[in-house]
């Protein structure tokens, strides 16, 4: 049996310990003992970008905000969809996750981060949302497992009614926001509707042919 290799460790602002693992050609990030993401299962992360950015293919100078870098799959998928004059800001609160993606020895998101359309910001995404009203055509949020399946307590504000209203204010007219979630969460969908969004709930598998379904909640202003 091939051994797992612990490559690196980081601590989120709320004290959650994150670890980067390698096993049999694949990378994964864990929070404690729970796997958050893996290079073996990323289809739903790509779908998040496609449903949010697909309508922007022909939009000139589209501006997109991605909250949560992860292993780079959402960013890479967004760049495949968006035009050459688009601008994408990726906001990641844990500096080590940015460093892991940029590491030349890890096959992660280095190529996407070096795309000239991309700006990488190490910050809490709530700070960026609050200080950029009316700025984005699309906002993609994959900072945790969902409104009721949080692994990092500090993310709770983003899924509150106040946090959703703040996110909506950061959208341009007719903009859209897409949330990645482990479950359908109808209560959170109701929070989105109360903020004035029309909401579509989509299912996307973790892998193209296997794995349990994840949920994408897409709100249209």
Foldseek 3Di string as FASTA:
>chain_A
DWDKDWDDWFAFPQGFIWTWIDTPHKIFIAGVPHTDDIPQFAFVLLVLLCVQQQVQQPPAQAEEEEEDCGQNNNLVSNVVRHDLNYAYEYEAQTVVRVVQNCDPVDPTNNVSCPRPRYDYHHHHVLVVLQVAFQAHQEYEYEPAQDQPHGPRVVCNCCLDLVNLLSNVRNHHAFHKYKYKHQDQPVVSLVSNVVSPWDWDKDWDASHNPDHDIIIMIMTTD
